[in-house]
Amino acid sequence: MDEYKPPSPFHDAISLVDGLVIPTQSDDDLAHWHFEHATDRAIAGTTFTTPAEGEACILIFDSIRWRPHSAAAHALLDSRERMRAARFRHGHDQAAYILAHAMWRLLLSICLDVDPADVPLTSTPIGQPLLPGTRFATSLSHSGRWVAVAIAGARSVGVDIERTPSPVALDDLLASVCTPAEANQLHDLPRSDREHALLQLWTRKEAALKAFGIGLTLAPSTFPITTNTPINPPLSAAAQPPCRVSDLILPTELVGAVALPISVQRFAVHVLEEI
């Protein structure tokens, strides 16, 4: 159930891969207990609570710290997610994907008070996550080792994180990310500031397009963005409510943004540490 994500210059490519070693059934039960118990303890170390109507939370974690739980996490994925995981060329990319999706399901199961296997996580044809029959919306983003899960008591939510500094030359991407006015503003900045500002702008746009349910089916360069003011959806998402985009305060190697309907008045960010 990935959100629509065509190949992005900011994300690693995927291909064929080696598999994980999955434990025996008796070991599996114990591994599941350890993973879920570790998640419970990590959440207890934050101020996280299930978001009420008009609230949202974003949970950030470093997948490397959770890699000892990779096998147990793999067992929580559905068949579609396992097929996607098997396409990654590198083991660390595969583990990051598996842990992202398993943790996503665990966090949703806590909010919905159901077993992870019973989380009704589906998606639209272009990959927008849906939680039918619930009062929640959700979004997922991962960049390298880092993962962000957003859960909102609202109709929609979009989150995006990116590593900084970027592994690609950002100046080459101005035309594909920015409107002409945005590109002119960025050109006036010193180079180091320009790269950071462009990366932040990218996360704002991707978060908003996720919240509107259309992802990168709309070229970011055709969609101007502002922060903390209402943004009307593009024509291709006219049925969606206006959103407000906010930058996230994150660990120093990340930038990110969240987009929420204007009915959502507050959100919180939590970093989950493996304990």
Protein backbone atom coordinates (compact mmCIF):
# COMPACT_ATOMS: atom_id res chain seq x y z
CA MET A 1 0.00 0.00 0.00
CA ASP A 2 2.60 2.55 -0.99
CA GLU A 3 1.46 6.00 -1.84
CA TYR A 4 1.84 6.85 -5.51
CA LYS A 5 5.56 7.42 -5.97
CA PRO A 6 7.04 7.44 -9.48
CA PRO A 7 10.84 7.25 -9.53
CA SER A 8 12.04 10.33 -7.63
CA PRO A 9 15.49 11.91 -7.84
CA PHE A 10 15.54 11.91 -4.04
CA HIS A 11 14.86 8.19 -3.55
CA ASP A 12 16.87 5.04 -4.15
CA ALA A 13 16.06 2.82 -7.12
CA ILE A 14 14.62 -0.67 -6.56
CA SER A 15 15.31 -3.94 -8.35
CA LEU A 16 15.62 -7.68 -7.67
CA VAL A 17 16.85 -8.83 -4.29
CA ASP A 18 17.88 -11.48 -1.84
CA GLY A 19 15.32 -12.55 0.78
CA LEU A 20 15.22 -12.50 4.54
CA VAL A 21 15.67 -15.54 6.76
CA ILE A 22 12.26 -16.10 8.32
CA PRO A 23 12.23 -17.86 11.71
CA THR A 24 10.36 -21.05 12.51
CA GLN A 25 6.79 -20.80 13.80
CA SER A 26 7.74 -21.04 17.48
CA ASP A 27 10.52 -18.49 17.03
CA ASP A 28 8.10 -16.36 15.02
CA ASP A 29 5.71 -15.95 17.94
CA LEU A 30 8.53 -14.88 20.23
CA ALA A 31 9.95 -12.49 17.61
CA HIS A 32 6.52 -10.89 17.15
CA TRP A 33 6.21 -10.38 20.90
CA HIS A 34 9.63 -8.73 21.08
CA PHE A 35 8.86 -6.41 18.14
CA GLU A 36 5.45 -5.34 19.42
CA HIS A 37 6.75 -4.97 22.98
CA ALA A 38 9.65 -2.83 21.74
CA THR A 39 7.19 -0.66 19.81
CA ASP A 40 4.98 -0.26 22.88
CA ARG A 41 7.98 0.78 24.98
CA ALA A 42 9.18 3.24 22.34
CA ILE A 43 5.74 4.85 22.16
CA ALA A 44 5.57 4.98 25.96
CA GLY A 45 8.77 7.03 25.82
CA THR A 46 6.92 9.77 23.89
CA THR A 47 3.78 11.81 24.50
CA PHE A 48 1.95 10.05 21.67
CA THR A 49 -1.80 9.53 22.01
CA THR A 50 -4.28 8.38 19.40
CA PRO A 51 -5.28 11.53 17.50
CA ALA A 52 -8.77 12.83 18.14
CA GLU A 53 -10.93 14.40 15.46
CA GLY A 54 -9.09 17.46 14.17
CA GLU A 55 -5.69 16.23 15.41
CA ALA A 56 -2.74 14.51 13.77
CA CYS A 57 0.55 12.94 14.76
CA ILE A 58 3.73 12.17 12.85
CA LEU A 59 6.00 9.40 14.13
CA ILE A 60 9.60 9.33 12.93
CA PHE A 61 12.06 6.49 13.37
CA ASP A 62 15.48 5.39 12.21
CA SER A 63 15.05 1.95 10.64
CA ILE A 64 18.66 0.96 11.35
CA ARG A 65 17.94 1.00 15.09
CA TRP A 66 15.08 -1.44 14.47
CA ARG A 67 16.87 -3.85 12.11
CA PRO A 68 17.07 -6.67 14.72
CA HIS A 69 13.27 -6.87 14.30
CA SER A 70 13.35 -7.23 10.50
CA ALA A 71 12.26 -10.88 10.36
CA ALA A 72 9.33 -10.33 12.73
CA ALA A 73 8.41 -7.21 10.77
CA HIS A 74 8.37 -9.16 7.51
CA ALA A 75 5.70 -11.48 8.91
CA LEU A 76 3.37 -8.51 9.47
CA LEU A 77 3.31 -7.51 5.80
CA ASP A 78 0.57 -8.52 3.40
CA SER A 79 1.37 -10.44 0.20
CA ARG A 80 1.57 -7.30 -1.92
CA GLU A 81 4.04 -5.65 0.43
CA ARG A 82 6.17 -8.81 0.55
CA MET A 83 6.34 -8.88 -3.24
CA ARG A 84 7.42 -5.26 -3.29
CA ALA A 85 10.03 -5.88 -0.60
CA ALA A 86 11.51 -8.74 -2.61
CA ARG A 87 12.35 -6.35 -5.46
CA PHE A 88 14.97 -4.36 -3.56
CA ARG A 89 18.53 -4.96 -4.66
CA HIS A 90 20.25 -4.08 -1.39
CA GLY A 91 19.50 -5.67 1.95
CA HIS A 92 19.49 -2.39 3.87
CA ASP A 93 16.91 -0.90 1.46
CA GLN A 94 14.78 -4.02 1.80
CA ALA A 95 14.97 -3.93 5.58
CA ALA A 96 14.02 -0.23 5.65
CA TYR A 97 10.96 -0.91 3.49
CA ILE A 98 9.89 -3.91 5.58
CA LEU A 99 10.30 -2.06 8.87
CA ALA A 100 8.49 1.01 7.51
CA HIS A 101 5.42 -0.96 6.51
CA ALA A 102 5.36 -3.21 9.55
CA MET A 103 5.72 -0.28 11.95
CA TRP A 104 3.02 1.55 9.99
CA ARG A 105 0.65 -1.37 10.59
CA LEU A 106 1.58 -1.60 14.26
CA LEU A 107 0.96 2.10 14.85
CA LEU A 108 -2.38 1.95 13.06
CA SER A 109 -3.38 -1.13 15.04
CA ILE A 110 -2.82 0.83 18.26
CA CYS A 111 -5.00 3.70 17.05
CA LEU A 112 -7.72 1.34 15.81
CA ASP A 113 -7.43 -1.10 18.75
CA VAL A 114 -7.18 -4.11 16.44
CA ASP A 115 -4.53 -6.70 15.64
CA PRO A 116 -2.01 -5.57 13.00
CA ALA A 117 -3.37 -8.21 10.62
CA ASP A 118 -6.83 -6.64 10.92
CA VAL A 119 -5.81 -3.09 10.01
CA PRO A 120 -8.03 -2.24 6.99
CA LEU A 121 -5.20 -0.60 5.04
CA THR A 122 -6.01 -0.34 1.33
CA SER A 123 -5.14 2.14 -1.40
CA THR A 124 -6.55 3.93 -4.41
CA PRO A 125 -5.46 2.86 -7.91
CA ILE A 126 -2.62 5.41 -7.79
CA GLY A 127 -1.54 4.38 -4.30
CA GLN A 128 -3.11 6.83 -1.83
CA PRO A 129 -3.50 4.91 1.47
CA LEU A 130 -7.05 4.48 2.73
CA LEU A 131 -8.51 3.24 6.02
CA PRO A 132 -12.12 2.50 5.06
CA GLY A 133 -14.64 2.29 7.87
CA THR A 134 -12.47 4.31 10.25
CA ARG A 135 -12.22 7.99 11.17
CA PHE A 136 -8.51 8.14 10.30
CA ALA A 137 -6.36 9.08 7.34
CA THR A 138 -2.73 8.02 7.05
CA SER A 139 0.41 8.66 5.04
CA LEU A 140 3.88 7.11 4.85
CA SER A 141 7.26 8.43 3.72
CA HIS A 142 10.74 6.99 3.88
CA SER A 143 14.08 8.38 2.79
CA GLY A 144 17.16 6.23 3.25
CA ARG A 145 17.15 4.87 6.79
CA TRP A 146 14.45 7.26 8.04
CA VAL A 147 10.69 6.64 8.08
CA ALA A 148 7.75 8.93 8.82
CA VAL A 149 4.20 7.75 9.54
CA ALA A 150 1.37 10.28 9.72
CA ILE A 151 -2.03 9.49 11.26
CA ALA A 152 -4.82 12.05 11.36
CA GLY A 153 -8.36 12.24 12.65
CA ALA A 154 -9.36 13.81 9.35
CA ARG A 155 -10.30 13.08 5.74
CA SER A 156 -6.73 13.18 4.47
CA VAL A 157 -3.08 13.69 5.37
CA GLY A 158 0.20 13.79 3.48
CA VAL A 159 3.73 13.58 4.86
CA ASP A 160 7.11 13.67 3.15
CA ILE A 161 10.68 13.53 4.47
CA GLU A 162 13.99 13.79 2.63
CA ARG A 163 17.62 13.41 3.66
CA THR A 164 19.84 16.48 3.73
CA PRO A 165 22.19 17.12 2.13
CA SER A 166 20.62 15.53 -0.89
CA PRO A 167 22.50 12.72 -2.69
CA VAL A 168 21.73 14.38 -6.04
CA ALA A 169 22.58 17.76 -7.60
CA LEU A 170 19.54 19.82 -6.75
CA ASP A 171 20.21 22.72 -9.11
CA ASP A 172 19.44 20.37 -12.00
CA LEU A 173 15.94 19.86 -10.58
CA LEU A 174 14.80 23.46 -10.28
CA ALA A 175 12.75 23.33 -13.48
CA SER A 176 10.96 20.10 -12.53
CA VAL A 177 10.17 21.14 -8.94
CA CYS A 178 9.58 24.90 -9.03
CA THR A 179 7.15 27.25 -10.66
CA PRO A 180 8.94 30.11 -12.48
CA ALA A 181 8.33 32.44 -9.53
CA GLU A 182 9.67 29.88 -7.03
CA ALA A 183 12.74 29.26 -9.20
CA ASN A 184 13.50 33.00 -9.33
CA GLN A 185 13.27 33.24 -5.54
CA LEU A 186 15.62 30.29 -5.07
CA HIS A 187 18.15 31.62 -7.60
CA ASP A 188 18.66 34.67 -5.37
CA LEU A 189 19.82 32.51 -2.44
CA PRO A 190 23.42 31.42 -1.73
CA ARG A 191 24.08 27.93 -3.09
CA SER A 192 24.01 26.12 0.26
CA ASP A 193 20.80 27.88 1.30
CA ARG A 194 19.29 27.27 -2.13
CA GLU A 195 19.77 23.50 -1.93
CA HIS A 196 18.18 23.31 1.51
CA ALA A 197 15.28 25.56 0.45
CA LEU A 198 14.66 23.48 -2.69
CA LEU A 199 14.60 20.26 -0.69
CA GLN A 200 12.17 21.79 1.80
CA LEU A 201 9.99 23.03 -1.06
CA TRP A 202 9.95 19.54 -2.55
CA THR A 203 8.70 18.02 0.71
CA ARG A 204 5.96 20.64 0.98
CA LYS A 205 4.74 19.92 -2.53
CA GLU A 206 4.86 16.16 -2.19
CA ALA A 207 3.07 16.27 1.17
CA ALA A 208 0.30 18.43 -0.32
CA LEU A 209 -0.12 16.27 -3.43
CA LYS A 210 -0.33 13.18 -1.22
CA ALA A 211 -3.00 14.83 0.94
CA PHE A 212 -4.97 15.72 -2.18
CA GLY A 213 -4.77 12.06 -3.24
CA ILE A 214 -3.03 12.61 -6.58
CA GLY A 215 0.65 12.26 -5.74
CA LEU A 216 3.09 13.04 -8.53
CA THR A 217 0.47 12.57 -11.23
CA LEU A 218 0.55 16.39 -11.19
CA ALA A 219 3.90 17.97 -12.05
CA PRO A 220 5.21 19.82 -8.97
CA SER A 221 6.40 22.66 -11.21
CA THR A 222 2.77 23.47 -12.05
CA PHE A 223 1.65 23.63 -8.42
CA PRO A 224 2.71 26.64 -6.31
CA ILE A 225 2.91 26.07 -2.58
CA THR A 226 2.88 28.19 0.56
CA THR A 227 3.06 27.26 4.22
CA ASN A 228 0.56 27.87 7.02
CA THR A 229 -2.07 29.33 4.71
CA PRO A 230 -4.99 27.42 3.12
CA ILE A 231 -4.17 25.81 -0.23
CA ASN A 232 -7.01 24.88 -2.56
CA PRO A 233 -6.74 21.51 -4.31
CA PRO A 234 -5.91 21.40 -8.02
CA LEU A 235 -8.73 20.70 -10.45
CA SER A 236 -7.83 17.00 -10.59
CA ALA A 237 -8.57 16.77 -6.84
CA ALA A 238 -11.44 19.25 -6.64
CA ALA A 239 -13.44 17.05 -4.24
CA GLN A 240 -10.70 17.22 -1.59
CA PRO A 241 -10.79 19.83 1.20
CA PRO A 242 -8.31 22.74 1.26
CA CYS A 243 -5.11 21.93 3.10
CA ARG A 244 -2.48 23.71 5.12
CA VAL A 245 1.17 22.71 4.75
CA SER A 246 3.60 22.97 7.67
CA ASP A 247 7.32 22.28 7.88
CA LEU A 248 8.38 19.65 10.42
CA ILE A 249 11.02 19.97 13.13
CA LEU A 250 13.07 16.81 12.58
CA PRO A 251 16.48 15.26 13.34
CA THR A 252 19.24 17.36 11.75
CA GLU A 253 19.80 15.09 8.74
CA LEU A 254 16.18 15.43 7.58
CA VAL A 255 13.75 17.99 6.23
CA GLY A 256 10.04 17.32 5.94
CA ALA A 257 6.53 18.67 5.73
CA VAL A 258 2.98 17.62 6.53
CA ALA A 259 -0.21 18.62 4.73
CA LEU A 260 -3.50 18.52 6.62
CA PRO A 261 -7.06 19.67 5.97
CA ILE A 262 -7.70 23.09 7.45
CA SER A 263 -10.08 21.43 9.94
CA VAL A 264 -7.01 19.95 11.69
CA GLN A 265 -5.89 22.51 14.24
CA ARG A 266 -2.88 20.80 15.76
CA PHE A 267 -0.33 18.07 15.17
CA ALA A 268 2.60 16.60 17.08
CA VAL A 269 5.87 14.99 15.97
CA HIS A 270 7.34 12.04 17.89
CA VAL A 271 10.67 10.28 17.37
CA LEU A 272 10.54 6.58 18.24
CA GLU A 273 13.74 5.21 19.74
CA GLU A 274 14.27 1.44 19.88
CA ILE A 275 14.49 0.67 23.62
